[in-house]
């Protein structure tokens, strides 16, 4: 049982070092919420353009109906 103890401790140290390395990499990744907000900001103008085009189409249809 005492023979395995150094092996266990070295494996635990290796796993601890791996966890520290993974945490360091995760800390370097940009905030997920900021990334989502930026994506939403890019999509917002497209939604506005779609609404404007729809309104222009509806107004065009109304004008064509009145002119007839």
C-alpha atoms as a PDB file:
ATOM      1  CA  UNK A   1       0.000   0.000   0.000  1.00  0.00           C
ATOM      2  CA  UNK A   2       2.850   2.385   0.765  1.00  0.00           C
ATOM      3  CA  UNK A   3       4.421   1.601  -2.604  1.00  0.00           C
ATOM      4  CA  UNK A   4       1.430   3.086  -4.476  1.00  0.00           C
ATOM      5  CA  UNK A   5       1.329   6.307  -2.451  1.00  0.00           C
ATOM      6  CA  UNK A   6       4.051   8.180  -4.399  1.00  0.00           C
ATOM      7  CA  UNK A   7       2.395   7.163  -7.669  1.00  0.00           C
ATOM      8  CA  UNK A   8      -0.992   8.382  -6.492  1.00  0.00           C
ATOM      9  CA  UNK A   9       0.438  11.707  -5.332  1.00  0.00           C
ATOM     10  CA  UNK A  10       2.280  12.262  -8.596  1.00  0.00           C
ATOM     11  CA  UNK A  11      -0.896  11.469 -10.549  1.00  0.00           C
ATOM     12  CA  UNK A  12      -2.888  13.866  -8.373  1.00  0.00           C
ATOM     13  CA  UNK A  13      -0.288  16.582  -9.000  1.00  0.00           C
ATOM     14  CA  UNK A  14      -0.466  15.909 -12.735  1.00  0.00           C
ATOM     15  CA  UNK A  15      -4.265  16.197 -12.667  1.00  0.00           C
ATOM     16  CA  UNK A  16      -4.049  19.385 -10.603  1.00  0.00           C
ATOM     17  CA  UNK A  17      -1.607  20.862 -13.117  1.00  0.00           C
ATOM     18  CA  UNK A  18      -3.939  19.867 -15.955  1.00  0.00           C
ATOM     19  CA  UNK A  19      -6.888  21.550 -14.207  1.00  0.00           C
ATOM     20  CA  UNK A  20      -4.847  24.713 -13.665  1.00  0.00           C
ATOM     21  CA  UNK A  21      -3.864  24.717 -17.339  1.00  0.00           C
ATOM     22  CA  UNK A  22      -7.490  24.237 -18.418  1.00  0.00           C
ATOM     23  CA  UNK A  23      -8.653  27.055 -16.121  1.00  0.00           C
ATOM     24  CA  UNK A  24      -6.005  29.343 -17.575  1.00  0.00           C
ATOM     25  CA  UNK A  25      -7.234  28.557 -21.103  1.00  0.00           C
ATOM     26  CA  UNK A  26     -10.869  29.110 -20.104  1.00  0.00           C
ATOM     27  CA  UNK A  27     -10.020  32.444 -18.494  1.00  0.00           C
ATOM     28  CA  UNK A  28      -8.493  33.537 -21.809  1.00  0.00           C
ATOM     29  CA  UNK A  29     -11.771  32.854 -23.687  1.00  0.00           C
ATOM     30  CA  UNK A  30     -13.935  35.974 -24.138  1.00  0.00           C
ATOM     31  CA  UNK A  31     -17.093  36.273 -22.090  1.00  0.00           C
ATOM     32  CA  UNK A  32     -19.943  34.293 -23.665  1.00  0.00           C
ATOM     33  CA  UNK A  33     -22.524  36.973 -22.889  1.00  0.00           C
ATOM     34  CA  UNK A  34     -20.468  39.662 -24.634  1.00  0.00           C
ATOM     35  CA  UNK A  35     -20.199  37.479 -27.726  1.00  0.00           C
ATOM     36  CA  UNK A  36     -23.983  36.954 -27.794  1.00  0.00           C
ATOM     37  CA  UNK A  37     -24.643  40.691 -27.367  1.00  0.00           C
ATOM     38  CA  UNK A  38     -22.365  41.470 -30.307  1.00  0.00           C
ATOM     39  CA  UNK A  39     -24.178  38.931 -32.452  1.00  0.00           C
ATOM     40  CA  UNK A  40     -27.529  40.438 -31.485  1.00  0.00           C
ATOM     41  CA  UNK A  41     -26.282  43.933 -32.328  1.00  0.00           C
ATOM     42  CA  UNK A  42     -25.359  42.733 -35.800  1.00  0.00           C
ATOM     43  CA  UNK A  43     -28.756  41.120 -36.317  1.00  0.00           C
ATOM     44  CA  UNK A  44     -30.763  44.093 -35.119  1.00  0.00           C
ATOM     45  CA  UNK A  45     -30.192  46.231 -38.242  1.00  0.00           C
ATOM     46  CA  UNK A  46     -31.346  43.331 -40.418  1.00  0.00           C
ATOM     47  CA  UNK A  47     -34.579  43.106 -38.452  1.00  0.00           C
ATOM     48  CA  UNK A  48     -35.142  46.836 -38.814  1.00  0.00           C
ATOM     49  CA  UNK A  49     -34.504  46.620 -42.550  1.00  0.00           C
ATOM     50  CA  UNK A  50     -36.998  43.757 -42.850  1.00  0.00           C
ATOM     51  CA  UNK A  51     -39.666  45.798 -41.046  1.00  0.00           C
ATOM     52  CA  UNK A  52     -39.010  48.859 -43.225  1.00  0.00           C
ATOM     53  CA  UNK A  53     -39.203  46.796 -46.428  1.00  0.00           C
ATOM     54  CA  UNK A  54     -42.439  45.185 -45.220  1.00  0.00           C
ATOM     55  CA  UNK A  55     -43.962  48.565 -44.428  1.00  0.00           C
ATOM     56  CA  UNK A  56     -42.951  49.918 -47.849  1.00  0.00           C
ATOM     57  CA  UNK A  57     -44.564  46.885 -49.479  1.00  0.00           C
ATOM     58  CA  UNK A  58     -47.798  47.363 -47.501  1.00  0.00           C
ATOM     59  CA  UNK A  59     -47.891  51.083 -48.337  1.00  0.00           C
ATOM     60  CA  UNK A  60     -47.234  50.240 -51.988  1.00  0.00           C
ATOM     61  CA  UNK A  61     -50.125  47.801 -51.997  1.00  0.00           C
ATOM     62  CA  UNK A  62     -52.415  50.374 -50.385  1.00  0.00           C
ATOM     63  CA  UNK A  63     -51.424  53.000 -52.948  1.00  0.00           C
ATOM     64  CA  UNK A  64     -52.041  50.569 -55.808  1.00  0.00           C
ATOM     65  CA  UNK A  65     -55.459  49.690 -54.320  1.00  0.00           C
ATOM     66  CA  UNK A  66     -56.445  53.346 -54.003  1.00  0.00           C
ATOM     67  CA  UNK A  67     -55.231  54.204 -57.515  1.00  0.00           C
ATOM     68  CA  UNK A  68     -57.298  51.398 -59.059  1.00  0.00           C
END
